[in-house]
Amino acid sequence: MSKYIVLTNKDTYQTTVKGEGLEPVETYDFYFFDKVKATYTIAKVTNDNVKIQLTEHYEGREYVNQIRVKFFETFDTVEAAREELNELVAASGSGPDSKYSKLVLAEPVS
């Protein structure tokens, strides 16, 4: 059975998407007032032992962590991961496609 995760990238917070054990499926840009505020990638997990690198820039310092994929919420289908992504964006308070925000497929991965 396949598993999928949703990874988030922002100006101050980055996740490593490409690498052994993860296959990017879809990437979306979240626009708020016509500016990209976050990029979300749905990735297929092909190795349960893969570690995802999280890099955060905070108060002039860089913090890097390696987190096992088992600590991420996983989804059985791409569709379930998309639903979660829409919920994440809706939780921002403006909804996925409101007057001021939109979620746009950034790059189809083949």
N, C-alpha and C. Protein backbone atom coordinates (compact mmCIF):
# COMPACT_ATOMS: atom_id res chain seq x y z
N MET A 1 0.84 -1.18 0.00
CA MET A 1 0.00 0.00 0.00
C MET A 1 0.89 1.25 0.00
N SER A 2 0.53 2.20 -0.82
CA SER A 2 1.29 3.46 -0.92
C SER A 2 0.94 4.38 0.23
N LYS A 3 1.88 5.27 0.55
CA LYS A 3 1.62 6.33 1.52
C LYS A 3 2.13 7.63 0.95
N TYR A 4 1.44 8.69 1.33
CA TYR A 4 1.77 10.02 0.84
C TYR A 4 1.85 10.97 2.03
N ILE A 5 2.70 11.99 1.90
CA ILE A 5 2.82 13.03 2.92
C ILE A 5 2.73 14.39 2.24
N VAL A 6 2.45 15.41 3.05
CA VAL A 6 2.42 16.79 2.56
C VAL A 6 3.58 17.53 3.24
N LEU A 7 4.45 18.11 2.41
CA LEU A 7 5.59 18.87 2.92
C LEU A 7 5.38 20.35 2.64
N THR A 8 5.81 21.18 3.57
CA THR A 8 5.61 22.62 3.48
C THR A 8 6.94 23.35 3.35
N ASN A 9 6.97 24.35 2.48
CA ASN A 9 8.12 25.22 2.35
C ASN A 9 7.64 26.67 2.39
N LYS A 10 8.30 27.44 3.26
CA LYS A 10 8.03 28.87 3.39
C LYS A 10 9.37 29.59 3.38
N ASP A 11 9.34 30.91 3.46
CA ASP A 11 10.59 31.68 3.47
C ASP A 11 11.54 31.23 4.58
N THR A 12 11.01 30.98 5.75
CA THR A 12 11.87 30.66 6.90
C THR A 12 11.91 29.18 7.24
N TYR A 13 11.18 28.35 6.52
CA TYR A 13 11.04 26.94 6.86
C TYR A 13 11.09 26.11 5.59
N GLN A 14 12.07 25.22 5.48
CA GLN A 14 12.24 24.42 4.26
C GLN A 14 12.29 22.94 4.59
N THR A 15 11.70 22.12 3.73
CA THR A 15 11.82 20.67 3.84
C THR A 15 12.48 20.15 2.58
N THR A 16 13.31 19.13 2.74
CA THR A 16 13.93 18.50 1.58
C THR A 16 12.90 17.59 0.94
N VAL A 17 12.63 17.82 -0.33
CA VAL A 17 11.60 17.07 -1.03
C VAL A 17 12.19 15.95 -1.87
N LYS A 18 13.28 16.22 -2.57
CA LYS A 18 13.86 15.21 -3.44
C LYS A 18 14.91 14.41 -2.67
N GLY A 19 14.97 13.17 -2.97
CA GLY A 19 15.94 12.31 -2.32
C GLY A 19 15.44 10.88 -2.31
N GLU A 20 16.33 10.00 -1.94
CA GLU A 20 15.98 8.59 -1.90
C GLU A 20 14.91 8.35 -0.86
N GLY A 21 13.82 7.74 -1.27
CA GLY A 21 12.75 7.44 -0.34
C GLY A 21 11.51 8.29 -0.50
N LEU A 22 11.61 9.38 -1.27
CA LEU A 22 10.47 10.24 -1.54
C LEU A 22 10.37 10.52 -3.03
N GLU A 23 9.15 10.47 -3.55
CA GLU A 23 8.91 10.83 -4.94
C GLU A 23 7.88 11.95 -4.97
N PRO A 24 8.27 13.17 -5.33
CA PRO A 24 7.29 14.25 -5.43
C PRO A 24 6.21 13.91 -6.45
N VAL A 25 4.97 14.18 -6.10
CA VAL A 25 3.84 13.89 -6.99
C VAL A 25 3.27 15.19 -7.55
N GLU A 26 2.96 16.14 -6.66
CA GLU A 26 2.41 17.43 -7.07
C GLU A 26 2.95 18.52 -6.15
N THR A 27 3.12 19.69 -6.73
CA THR A 27 3.53 20.85 -5.94
C THR A 27 2.54 21.99 -6.18
N TYR A 28 2.14 22.63 -5.09
CA TYR A 28 1.18 23.72 -5.14
C TYR A 28 1.77 24.97 -4.52
N ASP A 29 1.46 26.12 -5.09
CA ASP A 29 1.81 27.40 -4.50
C ASP A 29 0.55 27.97 -3.87
N PHE A 30 0.70 28.48 -2.65
CA PHE A 30 -0.39 29.14 -1.95
C PHE A 30 -0.16 30.64 -2.03
N TYR A 31 -1.06 31.33 -2.73
CA TYR A 31 -0.98 32.78 -2.90
C TYR A 31 -1.91 33.47 -1.93
N PHE A 32 -1.40 34.53 -1.33
CA PHE A 32 -2.21 35.38 -0.47
C PHE A 32 -1.94 36.81 -0.91
N PHE A 33 -2.97 37.51 -1.36
CA PHE A 33 -2.82 38.84 -1.94
C PHE A 33 -1.76 38.84 -3.05
N ASP A 34 -1.86 37.87 -3.93
CA ASP A 34 -0.99 37.74 -5.12
C ASP A 34 0.48 37.51 -4.81
N LYS A 35 0.80 37.11 -3.59
CA LYS A 35 2.18 36.78 -3.24
C LYS A 35 2.24 35.34 -2.73
N VAL A 36 3.23 34.57 -3.20
CA VAL A 36 3.37 33.19 -2.75
C VAL A 36 3.80 33.19 -1.28
N LYS A 37 2.96 32.62 -0.44
CA LYS A 37 3.24 32.55 1.00
C LYS A 37 3.81 31.20 1.40
N ALA A 38 3.48 30.15 0.63
CA ALA A 38 3.97 28.80 0.95
C ALA A 38 3.90 27.94 -0.30
N THR A 39 4.74 26.93 -0.32
CA THR A 39 4.71 25.93 -1.37
C THR A 39 4.53 24.58 -0.68
N TYR A 40 3.55 23.83 -1.16
CA TYR A 40 3.24 22.52 -0.58
C TYR A 40 3.53 21.45 -1.62
N THR A 41 4.16 20.36 -1.19
CA THR A 41 4.44 19.24 -2.08
C THR A 41 3.84 17.99 -1.50
N ILE A 42 3.08 17.29 -2.33
CA ILE A 42 2.59 15.96 -1.98
C ILE A 42 3.64 14.99 -2.51
N ALA A 43 4.16 14.15 -1.62
CA ALA A 43 5.22 13.21 -2.01
C ALA A 43 4.82 11.79 -1.62
N LYS A 44 5.16 10.85 -2.50
CA LYS A 44 4.94 9.44 -2.22
C LYS A 44 6.14 8.92 -1.43
N VAL A 45 5.87 8.21 -0.36
CA VAL A 45 6.93 7.61 0.45
C VAL A 45 7.26 6.24 -0.13
N THR A 46 8.52 6.07 -0.57
CA THR A 46 8.93 4.79 -1.15
C THR A 46 9.88 4.03 -0.23
N ASN A 47 10.27 4.66 0.88
CA ASN A 47 11.15 4.02 1.86
C ASN A 47 10.73 4.51 3.24
N ASP A 48 10.19 3.61 4.06
CA ASP A 48 9.71 4.00 5.39
C ASP A 48 10.81 4.46 6.33
N ASN A 49 12.06 4.23 5.98
CA ASN A 49 13.18 4.64 6.83
C ASN A 49 13.78 5.98 6.43
N VAL A 50 13.21 6.62 5.43
CA VAL A 50 13.75 7.89 4.95
C VAL A 50 13.61 8.96 6.04
N LYS A 51 14.61 9.83 6.09
CA LYS A 51 14.56 10.98 6.99
C LYS A 51 14.38 12.22 6.13
N ILE A 52 13.54 13.11 6.60
CA ILE A 52 13.26 14.35 5.89
C ILE A 52 14.01 15.46 6.60
N GLN A 53 14.75 16.22 5.83
CA GLN A 53 15.51 17.32 6.42
C GLN A 53 14.63 18.56 6.53
N LEU A 54 14.56 19.10 7.74
CA LEU A 54 13.83 20.34 8.00
C LEU A 54 14.85 21.41 8.35
N THR A 55 14.81 22.51 7.64
CA THR A 55 15.72 23.62 7.90
C THR A 55 14.88 24.84 8.22
N GLU A 56 15.19 25.46 9.36
CA GLU A 56 14.45 26.64 9.78
C GLU A 56 15.42 27.78 10.04
N HIS A 57 15.07 28.95 9.55
CA HIS A 57 15.85 30.17 9.80
C HIS A 57 15.05 31.01 10.78
N TYR A 58 15.67 31.26 11.95
CA TYR A 58 14.96 31.98 13.01
C TYR A 58 15.94 32.87 13.75
N GLU A 59 15.62 34.14 13.81
CA GLU A 59 16.43 35.13 14.52
C GLU A 59 17.91 35.05 14.13
N GLY A 60 18.17 34.98 12.83
CA GLY A 60 19.53 34.99 12.32
C GLY A 60 20.28 33.68 12.44
N ARG A 61 19.62 32.64 12.91
CA ARG A 61 20.28 31.34 13.05
C ARG A 61 19.59 30.31 12.18
N GLU A 62 20.33 29.28 11.83
CA GLU A 62 19.76 28.19 11.04
C GLU A 62 19.72 26.93 11.89
N TYR A 63 18.58 26.27 11.89
CA TYR A 63 18.40 25.03 12.62
C TYR A 63 18.07 23.94 11.61
N VAL A 64 18.78 22.81 11.69
CA VAL A 64 18.57 21.70 10.77
C VAL A 64 18.27 20.45 11.58
N ASN A 65 17.18 19.78 11.22
CA ASN A 65 16.78 18.54 11.87
C ASN A 65 16.52 17.47 10.82
N GLN A 66 16.81 16.25 11.17
CA GLN A 66 16.48 15.09 10.34
C GLN A 66 15.36 14.33 11.04
N ILE A 67 14.18 14.28 10.43
CA ILE A 67 13.01 13.66 11.05
C ILE A 67 12.59 12.45 10.23
N ARG A 68 12.42 11.32 10.90
CA ARG A 68 11.95 10.12 10.20
C ARG A 68 10.53 10.34 9.69
N VAL A 69 10.26 9.78 8.54
CA VAL A 69 8.96 9.96 7.90
C VAL A 69 7.83 9.41 8.78
N LYS A 70 8.12 8.47 9.66
CA LYS A 70 7.07 7.89 10.51
C LYS A 70 6.44 8.94 11.44
N PHE A 71 7.11 10.08 11.64
CA PHE A 71 6.57 11.12 12.50
C PHE A 71 5.68 12.11 11.73
N PHE A 72 5.56 11.94 10.42
CA PHE A 72 4.71 12.78 9.59
C PHE A 72 3.36 12.10 9.42
N GLU A 73 2.31 12.91 9.31
CA GLU A 73 1.00 12.35 9.01
C GLU A 73 1.04 11.80 7.59
N THR A 74 0.55 10.57 7.42
CA THR A 74 0.55 9.95 6.10
C THR A 74 -0.89 9.71 5.63
N PHE A 75 -1.01 9.59 4.31
CA PHE A 75 -2.31 9.40 3.68
C PHE A 75 -2.20 8.23 2.71
N ASP A 76 -3.28 7.47 2.59
CA ASP A 76 -3.28 6.27 1.75
C ASP A 76 -3.35 6.59 0.26
N THR A 77 -3.87 7.77 -0.08
CA THR A 77 -4.03 8.14 -1.49
C THR A 77 -3.60 9.59 -1.71
N VAL A 78 -3.33 9.92 -2.97
CA VAL A 78 -3.02 11.30 -3.33
C VAL A 78 -4.24 12.17 -3.05
N GLU A 79 -5.43 11.64 -3.31
CA GLU A 79 -6.65 12.40 -3.10
C GLU A 79 -6.81 12.78 -1.62
N ALA A 80 -6.49 11.86 -0.72
CA ALA A 80 -6.57 12.15 0.72
C ALA A 80 -5.56 13.22 1.11
N ALA A 81 -4.38 13.18 0.51
CA ALA A 81 -3.36 14.20 0.77
C ALA A 81 -3.83 15.56 0.26
N ARG A 82 -4.49 15.58 -0.91
CA ARG A 82 -5.04 16.83 -1.44
C ARG A 82 -6.10 17.41 -0.50
N GLU A 83 -6.96 16.54 0.03
CA GLU A 83 -7.99 16.99 0.97
C GLU A 83 -7.35 17.64 2.19
N GLU A 84 -6.29 17.02 2.71
CA GLU A 84 -5.59 17.58 3.87
C GLU A 84 -4.98 18.93 3.52
N LEU A 85 -4.41 19.03 2.34
CA LEU A 85 -3.81 20.29 1.90
C LEU A 85 -4.87 21.39 1.85
N ASN A 86 -6.03 21.07 1.32
CA ASN A 86 -7.12 22.06 1.28
C ASN A 86 -7.56 22.45 2.68
N GLU A 87 -7.55 21.51 3.61
CA GLU A 87 -7.89 21.82 5.00
C GLU A 87 -6.82 22.71 5.63
N LEU A 88 -5.55 22.43 5.35
CA LEU A 88 -4.46 23.27 5.87
C LEU A 88 -4.61 24.71 5.41
N VAL A 89 -4.91 24.87 4.14
CA VAL A 89 -5.04 26.21 3.57
C VAL A 89 -6.29 26.89 4.13
N ALA A 90 -7.39 26.14 4.26
CA ALA A 90 -8.62 26.70 4.82
C ALA A 90 -8.40 27.13 6.26
N ALA A 91 -7.55 26.42 6.99
CA ALA A 91 -7.27 26.76 8.39
C ALA A 91 -6.52 28.08 8.51
N SER A 92 -5.95 28.54 7.40
CA SER A 92 -5.26 29.83 7.43
C SER A 92 -6.24 30.98 7.61
N GLY A 93 -7.53 30.65 7.51
CA GLY A 93 -8.55 31.66 7.77
C GLY A 93 -9.11 32.30 6.51
N SER A 94 -8.50 32.02 5.38
CA SER A 94 -8.98 32.67 4.16
C SER A 94 -9.49 31.68 3.13
N GLY A 95 -9.36 30.39 3.39
CA GLY A 95 -9.85 29.39 2.45
C GLY A 95 -8.93 29.22 1.28
N PRO A 96 -9.04 28.07 0.58
CA PRO A 96 -8.12 27.80 -0.52
C PRO A 96 -8.31 28.70 -1.73
N ASP A 97 -9.51 29.14 -1.99
CA ASP A 97 -9.75 29.99 -3.16
C ASP A 97 -10.75 31.08 -2.79
N SER A 98 -10.30 32.03 -2.04
CA SER A 98 -11.16 33.13 -1.65
C SER A 98 -10.78 34.36 -2.47
N LYS A 99 -11.36 35.48 -2.13
CA LYS A 99 -11.07 36.73 -2.83
C LYS A 99 -9.59 37.10 -2.72
N TYR A 100 -8.95 36.72 -1.61
CA TYR A 100 -7.57 37.14 -1.36
C TYR A 100 -6.53 36.02 -1.46
N SER A 101 -6.97 34.79 -1.61
CA SER A 101 -6.01 33.68 -1.64
C SER A 101 -6.41 32.63 -2.67
N LYS A 102 -5.40 31.86 -3.08
CA LYS A 102 -5.67 30.76 -4.01
C LYS A 102 -4.55 29.74 -3.91
N LEU A 103 -4.90 28.51 -4.20
CA LEU A 103 -3.97 27.40 -4.24
C LEU A 103 -3.83 26.99 -5.69
N VAL A 104 -2.60 27.03 -6.23
CA VAL A 104 -2.36 26.80 -7.66
C VAL A 104 -1.37 25.67 -7.85
N LEU A 105 -1.71 24.72 -8.72
CA LEU A 105 -0.77 23.65 -9.08
C LEU A 105 0.45 24.30 -9.71
N ALA A 106 1.60 24.12 -9.08
CA ALA A 106 2.82 24.81 -9.52
C ALA A 106 3.58 24.04 -10.59
N GLU A 107 3.74 22.75 -10.38
CA GLU A 107 4.49 21.98 -11.35
C GLU A 107 4.03 20.53 -11.32
N PRO A 108 3.40 20.09 -12.40
CA PRO A 108 3.06 18.68 -12.45
C PRO A 108 4.35 17.86 -12.54
N VAL A 109 4.44 16.80 -11.78
CA VAL A 109 5.61 15.93 -11.81
C VAL A 109 5.23 14.69 -12.59
N SER A 110 6.06 14.34 -13.58
CA SER A 110 5.73 13.16 -14.38
C SER A 110 6.56 11.97 -14.00
